[in-house]
Amino acid sequence: MGDTTTLDVRGMTCPLPVLKANKALRSMPAGATLAVLATDPAAVKDFHAYAQETGHELLAWAEEGEGFRFVLRRRAEP
């Protein structure tokens, strides 16, 4: 995934992981990828809903150690 930016929100609880990811994605160009490292179990449901609501693509997610890794691609502007 080449130039993926990583956002570490481990230790933060809902809704902060999604809010921080949203802020990061807004500053990125269309098509850019963002990897988010989170530990909040609610993040799994939150990032799926976030992607569906915003149009950003959830490329992948996985359990990683004691947390999760989400990879999102910023949507093209309408």
PDB file of N, CA and C in Angstrom:
ATOM      1  N   MET A   1       0.809  -1.195   0.000  1.00  0.00           N
ATOM      2  CA  MET A   1       0.000   0.000   0.000  1.00  0.00           C
ATOM      3  C   MET A   1       0.850   1.255   0.000  1.00  0.00           C
ATOM      4  N   GLY A   2       2.067   1.169  -0.405  1.00  0.00           N
ATOM      5  CA  GLY A   2       2.921   2.316  -0.647  1.00  0.00           C
ATOM      6  C   GLY A   2       2.962   3.376   0.424  1.00  0.00           C
ATOM      7  N   ASP A   3       2.303   4.490   0.156  1.00  0.00           N
ATOM      8  CA  ASP A   3       2.379   5.644   1.036  1.00  0.00           C
ATOM      9  C   ASP A   3       1.216   5.701   2.018  1.00  0.00           C
ATOM     10  N   THR A   4       1.085   4.688   2.833  1.00  0.00           N
ATOM     11  CA  THR A   4       0.021   4.655   3.827  1.00  0.00           C
ATOM     12  C   THR A   4       0.454   5.437   5.052  1.00  0.00           C
ATOM     13  N   THR A   5      -0.400   6.333   5.503  1.00  0.00           N
ATOM     14  CA  THR A   5      -0.175   7.079   6.730  1.00  0.00           C
ATOM     15  C   THR A   5      -0.729   6.255   7.881  1.00  0.00           C
ATOM     16  N   THR A   6      -0.034   6.230   9.009  1.00  0.00           N
ATOM     17  CA  THR A   6      -0.492   5.474  10.169  1.00  0.00           C
ATOM     18  C   THR A   6      -0.936   6.431  11.269  1.00  0.00           C
ATOM     19  N   LEU A   7      -2.104   6.139  11.834  1.00  0.00           N
ATOM     20  CA  LEU A   7      -2.666   6.909  12.941  1.00  0.00           C
ATOM     21  C   LEU A   7      -2.799   5.968  14.126  1.00  0.00           C
ATOM     22  N   ASP A   8      -2.145   6.281  15.228  1.00  0.00           N
ATOM     23  CA  ASP A   8      -2.179   5.444  16.426  1.00  0.00           C
ATOM     24  C   ASP A   8      -3.157   6.043  17.431  1.00  0.00           C
ATOM     25  N   VAL A   9      -4.288   5.387  17.604  1.00  0.00           N
ATOM     26  CA  VAL A   9      -5.290   5.857  18.573  1.00  0.00           C
ATOM     27  C   VAL A   9      -5.504   4.797  19.656  1.00  0.00           C
ATOM     28  N   ARG A  10      -4.501   3.956  19.862  1.00  0.00           N
ATOM     29  CA  ARG A  10      -4.599   2.936  20.906  1.00  0.00           C
ATOM     30  C   ARG A  10      -4.778   3.607  22.261  1.00  0.00           C
ATOM     31  N   GLY A  11      -5.676   3.033  23.058  1.00  0.00           N
ATOM     32  CA  GLY A  11      -5.963   3.581  24.383  1.00  0.00           C
ATOM     33  C   GLY A  11      -7.123   4.556  24.378  1.00  0.00           C
ATOM     34  N   MET A  12      -7.530   5.027  23.219  1.00  0.00           N
ATOM     35  CA  MET A  12      -8.666   5.941  23.126  1.00  0.00           C
ATOM     36  C   MET A  12      -9.948   5.139  22.968  1.00  0.00           C
ATOM     37  N   THR A  13     -11.034   5.672  23.519  1.00  0.00           N
ATOM     38  CA  THR A  13     -12.320   4.987  23.422  1.00  0.00           C
ATOM     39  C   THR A  13     -13.280   5.764  22.543  1.00  0.00           C
ATOM     40  N   CYS A  14     -14.328   5.081  22.151  1.00  0.00           N
ATOM     41  CA  CYS A  14     -15.375   5.624  21.290  1.00  0.00           C
ATOM     42  C   CYS A  14     -15.865   6.967  21.844  1.00  0.00           C
ATOM     43  N   PRO A  15     -15.991   7.963  21.025  1.00  0.00           N
ATOM     44  CA  PRO A  15     -15.900   8.010  19.569  1.00  0.00           C
ATOM     45  C   PRO A  15     -14.553   8.523  19.054  1.00  0.00           C
ATOM     46  N   LEU A  16     -13.569   8.679  19.929  1.00  0.00           N
ATOM     47  CA  LEU A  16     -12.306   9.310  19.523  1.00  0.00           C
ATOM     48  C   LEU A  16     -11.571   8.633  18.370  1.00  0.00           C
ATOM     49  N   PRO A  17     -11.472   7.303  18.301  1.00  0.00           N
ATOM     50  CA  PRO A  17     -10.750   6.720  17.160  1.00  0.00           C
ATOM     51  C   PRO A  17     -11.325   7.142  15.802  1.00  0.00           C
ATOM     52  N   VAL A  18     -12.647   7.115  15.663  1.00  0.00           N
ATOM     53  CA  VAL A  18     -13.267   7.511  14.400  1.00  0.00           C
ATOM     54  C   VAL A  18     -13.123   9.014  14.168  1.00  0.00           C
ATOM     55  N   LEU A  19     -13.274   9.811  15.199  1.00  0.00           N
ATOM     56  CA  LEU A  19     -13.139  11.264  15.041  1.00  0.00           C
ATOM     57  C   LEU A  19     -11.724  11.643  14.609  1.00  0.00           C
ATOM     58  N   LYS A  20     -10.728  11.017  15.209  1.00  0.00           N
ATOM     59  CA  LYS A  20      -9.332  11.293  14.843  1.00  0.00           C
ATOM     60  C   LYS A  20      -9.047  10.821  13.411  1.00  0.00           C
ATOM     61  N   ALA A  21      -9.591   9.661  13.039  1.00  0.00           N
ATOM     62  CA  ALA A  21      -9.402   9.164  11.674  1.00  0.00           C
ATOM     63  C   ALA A  21     -10.069  10.098  10.669  1.00  0.00           C
ATOM     64  N   ASN A  22     -11.252  10.571  10.995  1.00  0.00           N
ATOM     65  CA  ASN A  22     -11.960  11.490  10.112  1.00  0.00           C
ATOM     66  C   ASN A  22     -11.150  12.765   9.896  1.00  0.00           C
ATOM     67  N   LYS A  23     -10.592  13.296  10.965  1.00  0.00           N
ATOM     68  CA  LYS A  23      -9.771  14.508  10.859  1.00  0.00           C
ATOM     69  C   LYS A  23      -8.542  14.251   9.985  1.00  0.00           C
ATOM     70  N   ALA A  24      -7.912  13.110  10.167  1.00  0.00           N
ATOM     71  CA  ALA A  24      -6.726  12.776   9.368  1.00  0.00           C
ATOM     72  C   ALA A  24      -7.095  12.616   7.891  1.00  0.00           C
ATOM     73  N   LEU A  25      -8.189  11.920   7.608  1.00  0.00           N
ATOM     74  CA  LEU A  25      -8.587  11.704   6.219  1.00  0.00           C
ATOM     75  C   LEU A  25      -8.939  13.006   5.514  1.00  0.00           C
ATOM     76  N   ARG A  26      -9.519  13.949   6.231  1.00  0.00           N
ATOM     77  CA  ARG A  26      -9.878  15.227   5.615  1.00  0.00           C
ATOM     78  C   ARG A  26      -8.662  15.985   5.107  1.00  0.00           C
ATOM     79  N   SER A  27      -7.502  15.740   5.712  1.00  0.00           N
ATOM     80  CA  SER A  27      -6.289  16.451   5.296  1.00  0.00           C
ATOM     81  C   SER A  27      -5.499  15.682   4.235  1.00  0.00           C
ATOM     82  N   MET A  28      -6.019  14.539   3.799  1.00  0.00           N
ATOM     83  CA  MET A  28      -5.313  13.690   2.840  1.00  0.00           C
ATOM     84  C   MET A  28      -5.942  13.827   1.449  1.00  0.00           C
ATOM     85  N   PRO A  29      -5.159  13.592   0.410  1.00  0.00           N
ATOM     86  CA  PRO A  29      -5.721  13.651  -0.950  1.00  0.00           C
ATOM     87  C   PRO A  29      -6.614  12.445  -1.244  1.00  0.00           C
ATOM     88  N   ALA A  30      -7.503  12.595  -2.198  1.00  0.00           N
ATOM     89  CA  ALA A  30      -8.376  11.500  -2.620  1.00  0.00           C
ATOM     90  C   ALA A  30      -7.532  10.292  -3.021  1.00  0.00           C
ATOM     91  N   GLY A  31      -7.944   9.115  -2.592  1.00  0.00           N
ATOM     92  CA  GLY A  31      -7.235   7.887  -2.923  1.00  0.00           C
ATOM     93  C   GLY A  31      -6.131   7.514  -1.947  1.00  0.00           C
ATOM     94  N   ALA A  32      -5.786   8.419  -1.038  1.00  0.00           N
ATOM     95  CA  ALA A  32      -4.728   8.131  -0.060  1.00  0.00           C
ATOM     96  C   ALA A  32      -5.234   7.099   0.945  1.00  0.00           C
ATOM     97  N   THR A  33      -4.311   6.344   1.534  1.00  0.00           N
ATOM     98  CA  THR A  33      -4.701   5.331   2.509  1.00  0.00           C
ATOM     99  C   THR A  33      -4.220   5.702   3.906  1.00  0.00           C
ATOM    100  N   LEU A  34      -5.056   5.329   4.870  1.00  0.00           N
ATOM    101  CA  LEU A  34      -4.790   5.596   6.274  1.00  0.00           C
ATOM    102  C   LEU A  34      -4.930   4.294   7.039  1.00  0.00           C
ATOM    103  N   ALA A  35      -3.895   3.916   7.774  1.00  0.00           N
ATOM    104  CA  ALA A  35      -3.961   2.761   8.670  1.00  0.00           C
ATOM    105  C   ALA A  35      -4.201   3.288  10.074  1.00  0.00           C
ATOM    106  N   VAL A  36      -5.192   2.734  10.748  1.00  0.00           N
ATOM    107  CA  VAL A  36      -5.541   3.165  12.098  1.00  0.00           C
ATOM    108  C   VAL A  36      -5.305   2.006  13.055  1.00  0.00           C
ATOM    109  N   LEU A  37      -4.532   2.269  14.100  1.00  0.00           N
ATOM    110  CA  LEU A  37      -4.275   1.280  15.144  1.00  0.00           C
ATOM    111  C   LEU A  37      -5.143   1.641  16.337  1.00  0.00           C
ATOM    112  N   ALA A  38      -6.009   0.735  16.765  1.00  0.00           N
ATOM    113  CA  ALA A  38      -6.945   1.014  17.843  1.00  0.00           C
ATOM    114  C   ALA A  38      -7.040  -0.178  18.786  1.00  0.00           C
ATOM    115  N   THR A  39      -7.448   0.084  20.027  1.00  0.00           N
ATOM    116  CA  THR A  39      -7.638  -0.983  21.003  1.00  0.00           C
ATOM    117  C   THR A  39      -9.080  -1.087  21.472  1.00  0.00           C
ATOM    118  N   ASP A  40      -9.909  -0.115  21.180  1.00  0.00           N
ATOM    119  CA  ASP A  40     -11.304  -0.123  21.616  1.00  0.00           C
ATOM    120  C   ASP A  40     -12.085  -1.170  20.818  1.00  0.00           C
ATOM    121  N   PRO A  41     -12.667  -2.180  21.476  1.00  0.00           N
ATOM    122  CA  PRO A  41     -13.431  -3.200  20.754  1.00  0.00           C
ATOM    123  C   PRO A  41     -14.595  -2.614  19.946  1.00  0.00           C
ATOM    124  N   ALA A  42     -15.139  -1.497  20.369  1.00  0.00           N
ATOM    125  CA  ALA A  42     -16.232  -0.852  19.642  1.00  0.00           C
ATOM    126  C   ALA A  42     -15.773  -0.305  18.295  1.00  0.00           C
ATOM    127  N   ALA A  43     -14.469  -0.159  18.103  1.00  0.00           N
ATOM    128  CA  ALA A  43     -13.943   0.399  16.857  1.00  0.00           C
ATOM    129  C   ALA A  43     -14.290  -0.465  15.651  1.00  0.00           C
ATOM    130  N   VAL A  44     -14.433  -1.765  15.842  1.00  0.00           N
ATOM    131  CA  VAL A  44     -14.762  -2.648  14.720  1.00  0.00           C
ATOM    132  C   VAL A  44     -16.097  -2.219  14.110  1.00  0.00           C
ATOM    133  N   LYS A  45     -17.103  -2.114  14.927  1.00  0.00           N
ATOM    134  CA  LYS A  45     -18.424  -1.692  14.448  1.00  0.00           C
ATOM    135  C   LYS A  45     -18.383  -0.237  13.981  1.00  0.00           C
ATOM    136  N   ASP A  46     -17.678   0.599  14.729  1.00  0.00           N
ATOM    137  CA  ASP A  46     -17.625   2.029  14.409  1.00  0.00           C
ATOM    138  C   ASP A  46     -16.997   2.291  13.041  1.00  0.00           C
ATOM    139  N   PHE A  47     -15.892   1.630  12.719  1.00  0.00           N
ATOM    140  CA  PHE A  47     -15.228   1.891  11.441  1.00  0.00           C
ATOM    141  C   PHE A  47     -16.015   1.331  10.258  1.00  0.00           C
ATOM    142  N   HIS A  48     -16.713   0.218  10.463  1.00  0.00           N
ATOM    143  CA  HIS A  48     -17.581  -0.285   9.399  1.00  0.00           C
ATOM    144  C   HIS A  48     -18.702   0.725   9.113  1.00  0.00           C
ATOM    145  N   ALA A  49     -19.333   1.225  10.156  1.00  0.00           N
ATOM    146  CA  ALA A  49     -20.412   2.205   9.994  1.00  0.00           C
ATOM    147  C   ALA A  49     -19.874   3.506   9.409  1.00  0.00           C
ATOM    148  N   TYR A  50     -18.713   3.939   9.867  1.00  0.00           N
ATOM    149  CA  TYR A  50     -18.102   5.168   9.373  1.00  0.00           C
ATOM    150  C   TYR A  50     -17.856   5.091   7.866  1.00  0.00           C
ATOM    151  N   ALA A  51     -17.298   3.976   7.411  1.00  0.00           N
ATOM    152  CA  ALA A  51     -17.012   3.809   5.985  1.00  0.00           C
ATOM    153  C   ALA A  51     -18.310   3.832   5.175  1.00  0.00           C
ATOM    154  N   GLN A  52     -19.322   3.166   5.663  1.00  0.00           N
ATOM    155  CA  GLN A  52     -20.601   3.119   4.948  1.00  0.00           C
ATOM    156  C   GLN A  52     -21.242   4.508   4.868  1.00  0.00           C
ATOM    157  N   GLU A  53     -21.136   5.271   5.942  1.00  0.00           N
ATOM    158  CA  GLU A  53     -21.779   6.588   5.997  1.00  0.00           C
ATOM    159  C   GLU A  53     -21.025   7.663   5.220  1.00  0.00           C
ATOM    160  N   THR A  54     -19.706   7.554   5.142  1.00  0.00           N
ATOM    161  CA  THR A  54     -18.909   8.626   4.546  1.00  0.00           C
ATOM    162  C   THR A  54     -18.478   8.360   3.115  1.00  0.00           C
ATOM    163  N   GLY A  55     -18.487   7.105   2.699  1.00  0.00           N
ATOM    164  CA  GLY A  55     -18.017   6.775   1.360  1.00  0.00           C
ATOM    165  C   GLY A  55     -16.531   6.473   1.299  1.00  0.00           C
ATOM    166  N   HIS A  56     -15.812   6.636   2.422  1.00  0.00           N
ATOM    167  CA  HIS A  56     -14.415   6.199   2.459  1.00  0.00           C
ATOM    168  C   HIS A  56     -14.450   4.669   2.443  1.00  0.00           C
ATOM    169  N   GLU A  57     -13.456   4.062   1.806  1.00  0.00           N
ATOM    170  CA  GLU A  57     -13.458   2.615   1.652  1.00  0.00           C
ATOM    171  C   GLU A  57     -12.653   1.945   2.759  1.00  0.00           C
ATOM    172  N   LEU A  58     -13.289   1.021   3.469  1.00  0.00           N
ATOM    173  CA  LEU A  58     -12.579   0.213   4.453  1.00  0.00           C
ATOM    174  C   LEU A  58     -11.940  -0.941   3.686  1.00  0.00           C
ATOM    175  N   LEU A  59     -10.649  -0.809   3.394  1.00  0.00           N
ATOM    176  CA  LEU A  59      -9.942  -1.792   2.579  1.00  0.00           C
ATOM    177  C   LEU A  59      -9.704  -3.094   3.330  1.00  0.00           C
ATOM    178  N   ALA A  60      -9.408  -2.977   4.625  1.00  0.00           N
ATOM    179  CA  ALA A  60      -9.092  -4.162   5.420  1.00  0.00           C
ATOM    180  C   ALA A  60      -9.173  -3.821   6.897  1.00  0.00           C
ATOM    181  N   TRP A  61      -9.397  -4.844   7.682  1.00  0.00           N
ATOM    182  CA  TRP A  61      -9.258  -4.703   9.129  1.00  0.00           C
ATOM    183  C   TRP A  61      -8.873  -6.062   9.685  1.00  0.00           C
ATOM    184  N   ALA A  62      -8.140  -6.048  10.785  1.00  0.00           N
ATOM    185  CA  ALA A  62      -7.695  -7.295  11.393  1.00  0.00           C
ATOM    186  C   ALA A  62      -7.376  -7.063  12.858  1.00  0.00           C
ATOM    187  N   GLU A  63      -7.495  -8.137  13.619  1.00  0.00           N
ATOM    188  CA  GLU A  63      -7.010  -8.087  14.996  1.00  0.00           C
ATOM    189  C   GLU A  63      -5.501  -8.132  14.921  1.00  0.00           C
ATOM    190  N   GLU A  64      -4.868  -7.298  15.718  1.00  0.00           N
ATOM    191  CA  GLU A  64      -3.410  -7.215  15.691  1.00  0.00           C
ATOM    192  C   GLU A  64      -2.934  -7.072  17.128  1.00  0.00           C
ATOM    193  N   GLY A  65      -2.318  -8.103  17.658  1.00  0.00           N
ATOM    194  CA  GLY A  65      -1.888  -8.060  19.051  1.00  0.00           C
ATOM    195  C   GLY A  65      -3.096  -7.931  19.959  1.00  0.00           C
ATOM    196  N   GLU A  66      -3.091  -6.909  20.797  1.00  0.00           N
ATOM    197  CA  GLU A  66      -4.212  -6.672  21.706  1.00  0.00           C
ATOM    198  C   GLU A  66      -5.181  -5.638  21.151  1.00  0.00           C
ATOM    199  N   GLY A  67      -5.057  -5.339  19.866  1.00  0.00           N
ATOM    200  CA  GLY A  67      -5.920  -4.321  19.280  1.00  0.00           C
ATOM    201  C   GLY A  67      -6.314  -4.669  17.862  1.00  0.00           C
ATOM    202  N   PHE A  68      -6.530  -3.632  17.093  1.00  0.00           N
ATOM    203  CA  PHE A  68      -7.023  -3.774  15.733  1.00  0.00           C
ATOM    204  C   PHE A  68      -6.276  -2.837  14.800  1.00  0.00           C
ATOM    205  N   ARG A  69      -6.259  -3.208  13.527  1.00  0.00           N
ATOM    206  CA  ARG A  69      -5.682  -2.362  12.481  1.00  0.00           C
ATOM    207  C   ARG A  69      -6.737  -2.224  11.389  1.00  0.00           C
ATOM    208  N   PHE A  70      -7.066  -0.993  11.061  1.00  0.00           N
ATOM    209  CA  PHE A  70      -8.033  -0.675  10.016  1.00  0.00           C
ATOM    210  C   PHE A  70      -7.295   0.076   8.919  1.00  0.00           C
ATOM    211  N   VAL A  71      -7.589  -0.242   7.660  1.00  0.00           N
ATOM    212  CA  VAL A  71      -6.987   0.475   6.545  1.00  0.00           C
ATOM    213  C   VAL A  71      -8.122   1.076   5.719  1.00  0.00           C
ATOM    214  N   LEU A  72      -8.104   2.398   5.608  1.00  0.00           N
ATOM    215  CA  LEU A  72      -9.137   3.122   4.892  1.00  0.00           C
ATOM    216  C   LEU A  72      -8.549   3.871   3.712  1.00  0.00           C
ATOM    217  N   ARG A  73      -9.328   3.986   2.642  1.00  0.00           N
ATOM    218  CA  ARG A  73      -8.920   4.800   1.491  1.00  0.00           C
ATOM    219  C   ARG A  73      -9.862   5.991   1.414  1.00  0.00           C
ATOM    220  N   ARG A  74      -9.266   7.176   1.297  1.00  0.00           N
ATOM    221  CA  ARG A  74     -10.067   8.391   1.215  1.00  0.00           C
ATOM    222  C   ARG A  74     -10.831   8.414  -0.090  1.00  0.00           C
ATOM    223  N   ARG A  75     -12.083   8.758   0.017  1.00  0.00           N
ATOM    224  CA  ARG A  75     -12.943   8.805  -1.162  1.00  0.00           C
ATOM    225  C   ARG A  75     -12.579  10.005  -2.032  1.00  0.00           C
ATOM    226  N   ALA A  76     -12.974   9.930  -3.287  1.00  0.00           N
ATOM    227  CA  ALA A  76     -12.821  11.073  -4.193  1.00  0.00           C
ATOM    228  C   ALA A  76     -13.875  12.107  -3.820  1.00  0.00           C
ATOM    229  N   GLU A  77     -13.558  13.340  -3.999  1.00  0.00           N
ATOM    230  CA  GLU A  77     -14.533  14.399  -3.713  1.00  0.00           C
ATOM    231  C   GLU A  77     -15.662  14.313  -4.722  1.00  0.00           C
ATOM    232  N   PRO A  78     -16.888  14.585  -4.288  1.00  0.00           N
ATOM    233  CA  PRO A  78     -18.027  14.513  -5.219  1.00  0.00           C
ATOM    234  C   PRO A  78     -17.944  15.558  -6.323  1.00  0.00           C
TER     235      PRO A  78
END
